[in-house]
Amino acid sequence: MLVIHDLCIVFNPSFPNEKVVLEHFDLSIESGQIVSLVGESGSGKTMVSLAILGLLPEIPKSVKGQIFWNEIDLLSSSEADLCKIRGKEIAMIFQEPMSAMNPLMRIKDQLDEAITIHQKGIPFLERKKKITKALQDMQLANIDRILDSFPHQISGGQLQRIMIAMALLNGPQLLIADEPTTALDVTVQKEIIHILKGLKDEYNMSILFISHDLGLVSSISDKIAVLHNGHLKDFGTVDNILYQPTSEYTKNLLASMPSFTGQRKLLLHKNEPKFIPESEYKTRLEKRLRLIDNAPRILEINKIKVEYPTKRDFLVE
């Protein structure tokens, strides 16, 4: 379905500030699979998704390799052909729904526009029915109020569900979810994950789930790819990644995960460097704090006072 082969992305090539974003990156997603791409900030995760959609930043860059979508090479496709695929065959949920939506358009107008761009000629009542059904699938209440609202009038959790509904309006075969649970509380995160898994089963849709949270992706994925500094470190089933990782980076990543026992499970071999002992860590910390205390002060504030005037007898009946 989606095959990425030997993808290399370099920003500002041949310049002093050249940056290698991805190097010899390979990934494949089969129909109906959830594949998670996990890595720390700046590892290149989002660049993978933008390369798939042909939305890389408009700066000097070198892009090599192949991205096959149903045997079509997206990297060599024209912008007109990509426009037919984006939002219809491949949809994306962006990391920040508030910045991804138009602040000057009501929710109903933005959802309606998502349909009319790719499915021209559909009557208004049919579009409205389709939009209502999509929001109901997201387990949203007070749909009429939501449709008539602007993005800033909606909570973060609701707005993320609306973004998912918008992405699914045209029945995509692949959904790219870029950190869809960022800045949401744990309860809402769990609800979003549950919704995505249900939609995958209902529509036999593939999902590329992008996250920095290895624990989170292990609960939703069929396969996991671990990315670090633009290099693919591990790729395999959830069990393989969690219990038989091949790269030292993945082992350290797993060792840093919180545990119910309060202890980190170190998977490094005996002849490999482990984390520094607690005593040495405390020594380093104390040394660092002394350096901070002796550093020149940039800003100093003394005896600051802030008052908030209230109405007289505010707390008296």
C-alpha atoms as a PDB file:
ATOM      1  CA  MET A   1       0.000   0.000   0.000  1.00  0.00           C
ATOM      2  CA  LEU A   2       2.621   2.556   1.122  1.00  0.00           C
ATOM      3  CA  VAL A   3       6.295   1.801   0.594  1.00  0.00           C
ATOM      4  CA  ILE A   4       9.078   4.270   1.404  1.00  0.00           C
ATOM      5  CA  HIS A   5      12.441   3.252  -0.031  1.00  0.00           C
ATOM      6  CA  ASP A   6      15.823   4.865   0.661  1.00  0.00           C
ATOM      7  CA  LEU A   7      14.340   8.284   1.445  1.00  0.00           C
ATOM      8  CA  CYS A   8      16.979  10.971   1.977  1.00  0.00           C
ATOM      9  CA  ILE A   9      16.131  14.593   2.785  1.00  0.00           C
ATOM     10  CA  VAL A  10      18.745  17.325   3.185  1.00  0.00           C
ATOM     11  CA  PHE A  11      17.882  20.959   3.899  1.00  0.00           C
ATOM     12  CA  ASN A  12      20.170  23.677   2.516  1.00  0.00           C
ATOM     13  CA  PRO A  13      22.468  21.240   0.661  1.00  0.00           C
ATOM     14  CA  SER A  14      25.986  22.493  -0.140  1.00  0.00           C
ATOM     15  CA  PHE A  15      25.574  25.350   2.368  1.00  0.00           C
ATOM     16  CA  PRO A  16      27.395  25.751   5.714  1.00  0.00           C
ATOM     17  CA  ASN A  17      24.097  25.242   7.564  1.00  0.00           C
ATOM     18  CA  GLU A  18      23.292  22.006   5.704  1.00  0.00           C
ATOM     19  CA  LYS A  19      21.079  19.683   7.758  1.00  0.00           C
ATOM     20  CA  VAL A  20      20.481  15.998   7.050  1.00  0.00           C
ATOM     21  CA  VAL A  21      16.853  15.402   8.045  1.00  0.00           C
ATOM     22  CA  LEU A  22      16.414  11.797   6.880  1.00  0.00           C
ATOM     23  CA  GLU A  23      19.016   9.361   5.615  1.00  0.00           C
ATOM     24  CA  HIS A  24      18.309   6.044   3.828  1.00  0.00           C
ATOM     25  CA  PHE A  25      14.897   5.726   5.486  1.00  0.00           C
ATOM     26  CA  ASP A  26      12.698   2.697   4.664  1.00  0.00           C
ATOM     27  CA  LEU A  27       9.153   1.977   5.810  1.00  0.00           C
ATOM     28  CA  SER A  28       6.160  -0.026   4.607  1.00  0.00           C
ATOM     29  CA  ILE A  29       2.504   0.005   5.655  1.00  0.00           C
ATOM     30  CA  GLU A  30       0.056  -2.696   4.576  1.00  0.00           C
ATOM     31  CA  SER A  31      -3.697  -2.311   4.209  1.00  0.00           C
ATOM     32  CA  GLY A  32      -5.465  -2.231   7.578  1.00  0.00           C
ATOM     33  CA  GLN A  33      -2.246  -1.854   9.587  1.00  0.00           C
ATOM     34  CA  ILE A  34      -1.387   0.677  12.269  1.00  0.00           C
ATOM     35  CA  VAL A  35       2.313   1.494  12.032  1.00  0.00           C
ATOM     36  CA  SER A  36       3.747   3.899  14.588  1.00  0.00           C
ATOM     37  CA  LEU A  37       6.752   6.116  14.003  1.00  0.00           C
ATOM     38  CA  VAL A  38       8.316   6.973  17.343  1.00  0.00           C
ATOM     39  CA  GLY A  39      11.257   9.183  18.222  1.00  0.00           C
ATOM     40  CA  GLU A  40      12.287  12.263  20.150  1.00  0.00           C
ATOM     41  CA  SER A  41      11.648  15.813  18.966  1.00  0.00           C
ATOM     42  CA  GLY A  42      13.741  16.689  15.923  1.00  0.00           C
ATOM     43  CA  SER A  43      14.283  13.075  14.883  1.00  0.00           C
ATOM     44  CA  GLY A  44      12.530  13.574  11.533  1.00  0.00           C
ATOM     45  CA  LYS A  45       9.106  12.045  12.239  1.00  0.00           C
ATOM     46  CA  THR A  46       7.018  14.923  10.934  1.00  0.00           C
ATOM     47  CA  MET A  47       9.271  15.287   7.874  1.00  0.00           C
ATOM     48  CA  VAL A  48       8.334  11.731   6.881  1.00  0.00           C
ATOM     49  CA  SER A  49       4.632  12.621   6.890  1.00  0.00           C
ATOM     50  CA  LEU A  50       5.194  15.878   5.004  1.00  0.00           C
ATOM     51  CA  ALA A  51       7.288  14.072   2.395  1.00  0.00           C
ATOM     52  CA  ILE A  52       4.468  11.576   1.825  1.00  0.00           C
ATOM     53  CA  LEU A  53       2.006  14.403   1.175  1.00  0.00           C
ATOM     54  CA  GLY A  54       4.426  16.571  -0.801  1.00  0.00           C
ATOM     55  CA  LEU A  55       4.282  19.327   1.826  1.00  0.00           C
ATOM     56  CA  LEU A  56       7.949  19.741   2.723  1.00  0.00           C
ATOM     57  CA  PRO A  57       9.018  23.315   3.572  1.00  0.00           C
ATOM     58  CA  GLU A  58       9.702  25.652   0.656  1.00  0.00           C
ATOM     59  CA  ILE A  59      13.431  25.987   1.302  1.00  0.00           C
ATOM     60  CA  PRO A  60      16.485  24.745  -0.629  1.00  0.00           C
ATOM     61  CA  LYS A  61      16.491  20.981  -0.209  1.00  0.00           C
ATOM     62  CA  SER A  62      17.563  17.705  -1.739  1.00  0.00           C
ATOM     63  CA  VAL A  63      15.015  14.881  -1.720  1.00  0.00           C
ATOM     64  CA  LYS A  64      16.026  11.455  -3.003  1.00  0.00           C
ATOM     65  CA  GLY A  65      14.465   8.019  -2.845  1.00  0.00           C
ATOM     66  CA  GLN A  66      10.985   6.734  -3.595  1.00  0.00           C
ATOM     67  CA  ILE A  67       7.594   6.871  -1.892  1.00  0.00           C
ATOM     68  CA  PHE A  68       5.170   4.474  -3.554  1.00  0.00           C
ATOM     69  CA  TRP A  69       1.455   4.849  -2.901  1.00  0.00           C
ATOM     70  CA  ASN A  70      -0.484   2.047  -4.618  1.00  0.00           C
ATOM     71  CA  GLU A  71       2.451   1.776  -7.070  1.00  0.00           C
ATOM     72  CA  ILE A  72       2.462   5.550  -7.762  1.00  0.00           C
ATOM     73  CA  ASP A  73       5.732   7.323  -6.914  1.00  0.00           C
ATOM     74  CA  LEU A  74       4.602  10.367  -4.945  1.00  0.00           C
ATOM     75  CA  LEU A  75       7.993  12.078  -5.123  1.00  0.00           C
ATOM     76  CA  SER A  76       7.816  12.247  -8.910  1.00  0.00           C
ATOM     77  CA  SER A  77       4.097  13.122  -9.061  1.00  0.00           C
ATOM     78  CA  SER A  78       2.911  16.562 -10.154  1.00  0.00           C
ATOM     79  CA  GLU A  79       1.232  18.970  -7.735  1.00  0.00           C
ATOM     80  CA  ALA A  80      -2.070  18.454  -9.576  1.00  0.00           C
ATOM     81  CA  ASP A  81      -1.872  14.687  -9.028  1.00  0.00           C
ATOM     82  CA  LEU A  82      -0.916  15.141  -5.371  1.00  0.00           C
ATOM     83  CA  CYS A  83      -3.939  17.400  -4.819  1.00  0.00           C
ATOM     84  CA  LYS A  84      -6.187  14.535  -5.931  1.00  0.00           C
ATOM     85  CA  ILE A  85      -4.582  12.254  -3.351  1.00  0.00           C
ATOM     86  CA  ARG A  86      -4.203  14.637  -0.385  1.00  0.00           C
ATOM     87  CA  GLY A  87      -7.324  14.746   1.759  1.00  0.00           C
ATOM     88  CA  LYS A  88      -9.020  11.979  -0.202  1.00  0.00           C
ATOM     89  CA  GLU A  89      -6.824   8.881  -0.436  1.00  0.00           C
ATOM     90  CA  ILE A  90      -4.338  10.037   2.206  1.00  0.00           C
ATOM     91  CA  ALA A  91      -5.531  12.299   5.027  1.00  0.00           C
ATOM     92  CA  MET A  92      -3.619  13.837   7.907  1.00  0.00           C
ATOM     93  CA  ILE A  93      -4.366  14.930  11.444  1.00  0.00           C
ATOM     94  CA  PHE A  94      -1.958  17.716  12.308  1.00  0.00           C
ATOM     95  CA  GLN A  95      -0.263  18.107  15.670  1.00  0.00           C
ATOM     96  CA  GLU A  96      -1.911  21.399  16.647  1.00  0.00           C
ATOM     97  CA  PRO A  97      -5.611  21.444  15.658  1.00  0.00           C
ATOM     98  CA  MET A  98      -6.037  25.076  16.704  1.00  0.00           C
ATOM     99  CA  SER A  99      -3.362  26.237  14.258  1.00  0.00           C
ATOM    100  CA  ALA A 100      -4.442  23.786  11.550  1.00  0.00           C
ATOM    101  CA  MET A 101      -8.011  25.114  11.373  1.00  0.00           C
ATOM    102  CA  ASN A 102      -9.154  28.451   9.989  1.00  0.00           C
ATOM    103  CA  PRO A 103      -9.958  30.710  12.978  1.00  0.00           C
ATOM    104  CA  LEU A 104     -12.346  32.835  10.882  1.00  0.00           C
ATOM    105  CA  MET A 105     -14.575  29.993   9.652  1.00  0.00           C
ATOM    106  CA  ARG A 106     -17.241  28.153  11.606  1.00  0.00           C
ATOM    107  CA  ILE A 107     -16.704  24.437  12.125  1.00  0.00           C
ATOM    108  CA  LYS A 108     -19.601  23.524   9.816  1.00  0.00           C
ATOM    109  CA  ASP A 109     -18.132  25.541   6.939  1.00  0.00           C
ATOM    110  CA  GLN A 110     -14.694  23.960   7.298  1.00  0.00           C
ATOM    111  CA  LEU A 111     -16.121  20.450   7.362  1.00  0.00           C
ATOM    112  CA  ASP A 112     -18.346  21.220   4.388  1.00  0.00           C
ATOM    113  CA  GLU A 113     -15.382  22.602   2.441  1.00  0.00           C
ATOM    114  CA  ALA A 114     -13.417  19.396   3.061  1.00  0.00           C
ATOM    115  CA  ILE A 115     -16.152  17.457   1.249  1.00  0.00           C
ATOM    116  CA  THR A 116     -16.827  19.835  -1.645  1.00  0.00           C
ATOM    117  CA  ILE A 117     -13.141  20.056  -2.620  1.00  0.00           C
ATOM    118  CA  HIS A 118     -12.962  16.331  -3.397  1.00  0.00           C
ATOM    119  CA  GLN A 119     -16.606  15.354  -3.971  1.00  0.00           C
ATOM    120  CA  LYS A 120     -18.200  17.975  -6.157  1.00  0.00           C
ATOM    121  CA  GLY A 121     -21.925  17.840  -6.859  1.00  0.00           C
ATOM    122  CA  ILE A 122     -23.052  16.303  -3.564  1.00  0.00           C
ATOM    123  CA  PRO A 123     -26.319  17.967  -2.400  1.00  0.00           C
ATOM    124  CA  PHE A 124     -26.211  20.100   0.750  1.00  0.00           C
ATOM    125  CA  LEU A 125     -28.479  17.814   2.802  1.00  0.00           C
ATOM    126  CA  GLU A 126     -26.340  14.788   1.968  1.00  0.00           C
ATOM    127  CA  ARG A 127     -23.187  16.665   2.973  1.00  0.00           C
ATOM    128  CA  LYS A 128     -24.824  17.736   6.247  1.00  0.00           C
ATOM    129  CA  LYS A 129     -25.831  14.142   6.980  1.00  0.00           C
ATOM    130  CA  LYS A 130     -22.294  12.973   6.266  1.00  0.00           C
ATOM    131  CA  ILE A 131     -20.813  15.621   8.576  1.00  0.00           C
ATOM    132  CA  THR A 132     -23.232  14.789  11.406  1.00  0.00           C
ATOM    133  CA  LYS A 133     -22.438  11.074  11.098  1.00  0.00           C
ATOM    134  CA  ALA A 134     -18.684  11.791  11.229  1.00  0.00           C
ATOM    135  CA  LEU A 135     -19.038  13.837  14.423  1.00  0.00           C
ATOM    136  CA  GLN A 136     -21.258  11.171  15.986  1.00  0.00           C
ATOM    137  CA  ASP A 137     -18.552   8.598  15.237  1.00  0.00           C
ATOM    138  CA  MET A 138     -16.211  10.820  17.267  1.00  0.00           C
ATOM    139  CA  GLN A 139     -18.617  10.488  20.236  1.00  0.00           C
ATOM    140  CA  LEU A 140     -19.259  14.246  20.326  1.00  0.00           C
ATOM    141  CA  ALA A 141     -22.343  15.704  22.015  1.00  0.00           C
ATOM    142  CA  ASN A 142     -24.179  18.971  21.243  1.00  0.00           C
ATOM    143  CA  ILE A 143     -23.302  18.643  17.567  1.00  0.00           C
ATOM    144  CA  ASP A 144     -25.453  21.597  16.467  1.00  0.00           C
ATOM    145  CA  ARG A 145     -23.639  23.906  18.886  1.00  0.00           C
ATOM    146  CA  ILE A 146     -20.246  22.597  17.751  1.00  0.00           C
ATOM    147  CA  LEU A 147     -21.062  23.071  14.066  1.00  0.00           C
ATOM    148  CA  ASP A 148     -22.064  26.675  14.662  1.00  0.00           C
ATOM    149  CA  SER A 149     -18.930  27.458  16.706  1.00  0.00           C
ATOM    150  CA  PHE A 150     -15.536  28.879  15.775  1.00  0.00           C
ATOM    151  CA  PRO A 151     -12.388  26.861  16.610  1.00  0.00           C
ATOM    152  CA  HIS A 152     -11.477  29.034  19.623  1.00  0.00           C
ATOM    153  CA  GLN A 153     -14.867  28.235  21.191  1.00  0.00           C
ATOM    154  CA  ILE A 154     -14.125  24.491  21.274  1.00  0.00           C
ATOM    155  CA  SER A 155     -12.022  22.605  23.835  1.00  0.00           C
ATOM    156  CA  GLY A 156      -8.756  20.967  22.792  1.00  0.00           C
ATOM    157  CA  GLY A 157     -10.115  17.437  23.075  1.00  0.00           C
ATOM    158  CA  GLN A 158     -13.230  18.261  21.061  1.00  0.00           C
ATOM    159  CA  LEU A 159     -11.202  20.083  18.424  1.00  0.00           C
ATOM    160  CA  GLN A 160      -8.919  17.086  17.972  1.00  0.00           C
ATOM    161  CA  ARG A 161     -11.956  14.856  17.428  1.00  0.00           C
ATOM    162  CA  ILE A 162     -13.293  17.336  14.882  1.00  0.00           C
ATOM    163  CA  MET A 163      -9.950  17.186  13.059  1.00  0.00           C
ATOM    164  CA  ILE A 164     -10.201  13.392  12.918  1.00  0.00           C
ATOM    165  CA  ALA A 165     -13.779  13.644  11.616  1.00  0.00           C
ATOM    166  CA  MET A 166     -12.661  16.107   8.938  1.00  0.00           C
ATOM    167  CA  ALA A 167      -9.855  13.781   7.869  1.00  0.00           C
ATOM    168  CA  LEU A 168     -12.290  10.872   7.482  1.00  0.00           C
ATOM    169  CA  LEU A 169     -15.024  12.676   5.522  1.00  0.00           C
ATOM    170  CA  ASN A 170     -13.674  11.533   2.154  1.00  0.00           C
ATOM    171  CA  GLY A 171     -12.993   7.933   3.165  1.00  0.00           C
ATOM    172  CA  PRO A 172      -9.164   7.889   3.032  1.00  0.00           C
ATOM    173  CA  GLN A 173      -7.256   4.626   2.753  1.00  0.00           C
ATOM    174  CA  LEU A 174      -4.390   5.980   4.862  1.00  0.00           C
ATOM    175  CA  LEU A 175      -4.632   8.302   7.862  1.00  0.00           C
ATOM    176  CA  ILE A 176      -1.482  10.056   9.079  1.00  0.00           C
ATOM    177  CA  ALA A 177      -1.851  11.066  12.729  1.00  0.00           C
ATOM    178  CA  ASP A 178       0.955  13.426  13.783  1.00  0.00           C
ATOM    179  CA  GLU A 179       1.066  13.499  17.599  1.00  0.00           C
ATOM    180  CA  PRO A 180      -2.769  13.508  17.808  1.00  0.00           C
ATOM    181  CA  THR A 181      -2.821  13.291  21.605  1.00  0.00           C
ATOM    182  CA  THR A 182      -0.249  15.994  22.387  1.00  0.00           C
ATOM    183  CA  ALA A 183      -1.365  18.460  25.105  1.00  0.00           C
ATOM    184  CA  LEU A 184      -4.411  16.315  25.950  1.00  0.00           C
ATOM    185  CA  ASP A 185      -4.938  14.825  29.389  1.00  0.00           C
ATOM    186  CA  VAL A 186      -4.551  11.076  29.901  1.00  0.00           C
ATOM    187  CA  THR A 187      -8.293  10.357  29.860  1.00  0.00           C
ATOM    188  CA  VAL A 188      -8.833  12.162  26.553  1.00  0.00           C
ATOM    189  CA  GLN A 189      -5.720  10.488  25.107  1.00  0.00           C
ATOM    190  CA  LYS A 190      -7.201   7.098  25.874  1.00  0.00           C
ATOM    191  CA  GLU A 191     -10.505   8.069  24.245  1.00  0.00           C
ATOM    192  CA  ILE A 192      -8.748   9.286  21.064  1.00  0.00           C
ATOM    193  CA  ILE A 193      -6.735   6.051  20.840  1.00  0.00           C
ATOM    194  CA  HIS A 194      -9.913   3.997  21.300  1.00  0.00           C
ATOM    195  CA  ILE A 195     -11.663   5.965  18.537  1.00  0.00           C
ATOM    196  CA  LEU A 196      -8.769   5.524  16.092  1.00  0.00           C
ATOM    197  CA  LYS A 197      -8.607   1.770  16.687  1.00  0.00           C
ATOM    198  CA  GLY A 198     -12.363   1.464  16.177  1.00  0.00           C
ATOM    199  CA  LEU A 199     -12.267   3.464  12.939  1.00  0.00           C
ATOM    200  CA  LYS A 200      -9.403   1.351  11.621  1.00  0.00           C
ATOM    201  CA  ASP A 201     -11.422  -1.813  12.174  1.00  0.00           C
ATOM    202  CA  GLU A 202     -14.634  -0.300  10.779  1.00  0.00           C
ATOM    203  CA  TYR A 203     -13.162   1.095   7.557  1.00  0.00           C
ATOM    204  CA  ASN A 204     -10.160  -1.263   7.114  1.00  0.00           C
ATOM    205  CA  MET A 205      -8.043   1.880   7.050  1.00  0.00           C
ATOM    206  CA  SER A 206      -4.278   2.061   7.518  1.00  0.00           C
ATOM    207  CA  ILE A 207      -2.828   4.507  10.047  1.00  0.00           C
ATOM    208  CA  LEU A 208       0.636   6.025  10.351  1.00  0.00           C
ATOM    209  CA  PHE A 209       0.712   7.095  14.008  1.00  0.00           C
ATOM    210  CA  ILE A 210       3.492   9.539  14.890  1.00  0.00           C
ATOM    211  CA  SER A 211       4.484  10.014  18.523  1.00  0.00           C
ATOM    212  CA  HIS A 212       7.369  10.459  20.946  1.00  0.00           C
ATOM    213  CA  ASP A 213       5.665   8.201  23.516  1.00  0.00           C
ATOM    214  CA  LEU A 214       6.747   4.577  23.128  1.00  0.00           C
ATOM    215  CA  GLY A 215       4.361   3.435  25.842  1.00  0.00           C
ATOM    216  CA  LEU A 216       1.410   5.049  24.085  1.00  0.00           C
ATOM    217  CA  VAL A 217       2.146   3.614  20.635  1.00  0.00           C
ATOM    218  CA  SER A 218       2.586   0.109  22.034  1.00  0.00           C
ATOM    219  CA  SER A 219      -1.127   0.084  22.889  1.00  0.00           C
ATOM    220  CA  ILE A 220      -2.320   0.875  19.367  1.00  0.00           C
ATOM    221  CA  SER A 221       0.288  -0.400  16.899  1.00  0.00           C
ATOM    222  CA  ASP A 222       0.739  -3.489  14.775  1.00  0.00           C
ATOM    223  CA  LYS A 223       4.321  -2.433  14.033  1.00  0.00           C
ATOM    224  CA  ILE A 224       6.666   0.222  15.412  1.00  0.00           C
ATOM    225  CA  ALA A 225       9.477   2.112  13.689  1.00  0.00           C
ATOM    226  CA  VAL A 226      12.028   3.874  15.913  1.00  0.00           C
ATOM    227  CA  LEU A 227      13.635   6.982  14.428  1.00  0.00           C
ATOM    228  CA  HIS A 228      16.675   8.838  15.784  1.00  0.00           C
ATOM    229  CA  ASN A 229      18.459  11.762  14.117  1.00  0.00           C
ATOM    230  CA  GLY A 230      16.976  10.868  10.744  1.00  0.00           C
ATOM    231  CA  HIS A 231      18.024   7.213  10.913  1.00  0.00           C
ATOM    232  CA  LEU A 232      15.730   4.208  11.295  1.00  0.00           C
ATOM    233  CA  LYS A 233      16.991   2.341  14.349  1.00  0.00           C
ATOM    234  CA  ASP A 234      14.401  -0.427  14.676  1.00  0.00           C
ATOM    235  CA  PHE A 235      11.341  -1.684  12.824  1.00  0.00           C
ATOM    236  CA  GLY A 236       9.199  -4.647  13.800  1.00  0.00           C
ATOM    237  CA  THR A 237       6.171  -5.896  15.668  1.00  0.00           C
ATOM    238  CA  VAL A 238       5.300  -4.458  19.063  1.00  0.00           C
ATOM    239  CA  ASP A 239       6.671  -7.539  20.846  1.00  0.00           C
ATOM    240  CA  ASN A 240       9.912  -7.423  18.871  1.00  0.00           C
ATOM    241  CA  ILE A 241      10.492  -3.758  19.674  1.00  0.00           C
ATOM    242  CA  LEU A 242       9.559  -4.042  23.358  1.00  0.00           C
ATOM    243  CA  TYR A 243      11.300  -7.330  24.167  1.00  0.00           C
ATOM    244  CA  GLN A 244      13.907  -7.894  21.438  1.00  0.00           C
ATOM    245  CA  PRO A 245      15.174  -4.471  20.337  1.00  0.00           C
ATOM    246  CA  THR A 246      18.259  -4.540  18.131  1.00  0.00           C
ATOM    247  CA  SER A 247      19.636  -1.003  18.485  1.00  0.00           C
ATOM    248  CA  GLU A 248      21.189   0.520  21.584  1.00  0.00           C
ATOM    249  CA  TYR A 249      19.067   3.644  21.128  1.00  0.00           C
ATOM    250  CA  THR A 250      15.841   1.619  21.385  1.00  0.00           C
ATOM    251  CA  LYS A 251      17.193  -0.205  24.432  1.00  0.00           C
ATOM    252  CA  ASN A 252      17.969   3.082  26.157  1.00  0.00           C
ATOM    253  CA  LEU A 253      14.563   4.427  25.138  1.00  0.00           C
ATOM    254  CA  LEU A 254      12.861   1.431  26.727  1.00  0.00           C
ATOM    255  CA  ALA A 255      15.033   1.692  29.823  1.00  0.00           C
ATOM    256  CA  SER A 256      13.923   5.286  30.349  1.00  0.00           C
ATOM    257  CA  MET A 257      10.218   4.396  30.414  1.00  0.00           C
ATOM    258  CA  PRO A 258       8.486   4.694  33.824  1.00  0.00           C
ATOM    259  CA  SER A 259       7.750   1.419  35.577  1.00  0.00           C
ATOM    260  CA  PHE A 260       5.125   0.445  38.156  1.00  0.00           C
ATOM    261  CA  THR A 261       7.951  -1.067  40.234  1.00  0.00           C
ATOM    262  CA  GLY A 262       9.753   2.258  40.338  1.00  0.00           C
ATOM    263  CA  GLN A 263      12.808   0.680  38.717  1.00  0.00           C
ATOM    264  CA  ARG A 264      14.068   1.076  35.181  1.00  0.00           C
ATOM    265  CA  LYS A 265      14.534  -2.135  33.233  1.00  0.00           C
ATOM    266  CA  LEU A 266      18.017  -1.861  31.723  1.00  0.00           C
ATOM    267  CA  LEU A 267      18.445  -3.974  28.598  1.00  0.00           C
ATOM    268  CA  LEU A 268      22.086  -3.106  27.873  1.00  0.00           C
ATOM    269  CA  HIS A 269      24.726  -5.817  27.736  1.00  0.00           C
ATOM    270  CA  LYS A 270      27.336  -6.049  30.486  1.00  0.00           C
ATOM    271  CA  ASN A 271      30.129  -4.741  28.289  1.00  0.00           C
ATOM    272  CA  GLU A 272      28.151  -1.678  27.246  1.00  0.00           C
ATOM    273  CA  PRO A 273      27.959   1.625  29.170  1.00  0.00           C
ATOM    274  CA  LYS A 274      25.014   1.902  31.516  1.00  0.00           C
ATOM    275  CA  PHE A 275      23.454   4.933  33.120  1.00  0.00           C
ATOM    276  CA  ILE A 276      25.646   6.751  35.640  1.00  0.00           C
ATOM    277  CA  PRO A 277      25.267   5.695  39.314  1.00  0.00           C
ATOM    278  CA  GLU A 278      23.041   7.837  41.496  1.00  0.00           C
ATOM    279  CA  SER A 279      25.981   8.994  43.639  1.00  0.00           C
ATOM    280  CA  GLU A 280      27.875  10.220  40.575  1.00  0.00           C
ATOM    281  CA  TYR A 281      24.713  11.879  39.293  1.00  0.00           C
ATOM    282  CA  LYS A 282      24.319  13.780  42.585  1.00  0.00           C
ATOM    283  CA  THR A 283      27.957  14.899  42.429  1.00  0.00           C
ATOM    284  CA  ARG A 284      27.486  16.217  38.907  1.00  0.00           C
ATOM    285  CA  LEU A 285      24.241  17.932  39.890  1.00  0.00           C
ATOM    286  CA  GLU A 286      25.825  19.671  42.883  1.00  0.00           C
ATOM    287  CA  LYS A 287      28.699  20.865  40.692  1.00  0.00           C
ATOM    288  CA  ARG A 288      26.244  22.192  38.140  1.00  0.00           C
ATOM    289  CA  LEU A 289      24.229  24.018  40.809  1.00  0.00           C
ATOM    290  CA  ARG A 290      27.391  25.678  42.136  1.00  0.00           C
ATOM    291  CA  LEU A 291      28.192  26.918  38.644  1.00  0.00           C
ATOM    292  CA  ILE A 292      24.680  28.343  38.365  1.00  0.00           C
ATOM    293  CA  ASP A 293      24.902  30.052  41.769  1.00  0.00           C
ATOM    294  CA  ASN A 294      28.226  31.675  40.847  1.00  0.00           C
ATOM    295  CA  ALA A 295      27.122  32.769  37.391  1.00  0.00           C
ATOM    296  CA  PRO A 296      26.510  36.493  36.780  1.00  0.00           C
ATOM    297  CA  ARG A 297      22.905  37.509  37.368  1.00  0.00           C
ATOM    298  CA  ILE A 298      21.017  38.589  34.263  1.00  0.00           C
ATOM    299  CA  LEU A 299      17.848  39.767  36.016  1.00  0.00           C
ATOM    300  CA  GLU A 300      17.137  40.365  39.694  1.00  0.00           C
ATOM    301  CA  ILE A 301      13.724  41.249  41.165  1.00  0.00           C
ATOM    302  CA  ASN A 302      13.221  42.214  44.804  1.00  0.00           C
ATOM    303  CA  LYS A 303      10.136  42.963  46.896  1.00  0.00           C
ATOM    304  CA  ILE A 304       7.676  42.710  44.034  1.00  0.00           C
ATOM    305  CA  LYS A 305       4.030  43.085  45.025  1.00  0.00           C
ATOM    306  CA  VAL A 306       0.916  42.396  42.957  1.00  0.00           C
ATOM    307  CA  GLU A 307      -2.567  43.418  44.107  1.00  0.00           C
ATOM    308  CA  TYR A 308      -5.898  42.378  42.629  1.00  0.00           C
ATOM    309  CA  PRO A 309      -8.662  44.837  43.561  1.00  0.00           C
ATOM    310  CA  THR A 310     -12.063  43.298  44.274  1.00  0.00           C
ATOM    311  CA  LYS A 311     -15.488  44.642  44.994  1.00  0.00           C
ATOM    312  CA  ARG A 312     -16.134  45.673  48.591  1.00  0.00           C
ATOM    313  CA  ASP A 313     -17.648  42.915  50.742  1.00  0.00           C
ATOM    314  CA  PHE A 314     -17.018  40.430  47.938  1.00  0.00           C
ATOM    315  CA  LEU A 315     -17.235  37.429  50.281  1.00  0.00           C
ATOM    316  CA  VAL A 316     -19.942  38.830  52.558  1.00  0.00           C
ATOM    317  CA  GLU A 317     -23.668  38.345  52.045  1.00  0.00           C
END
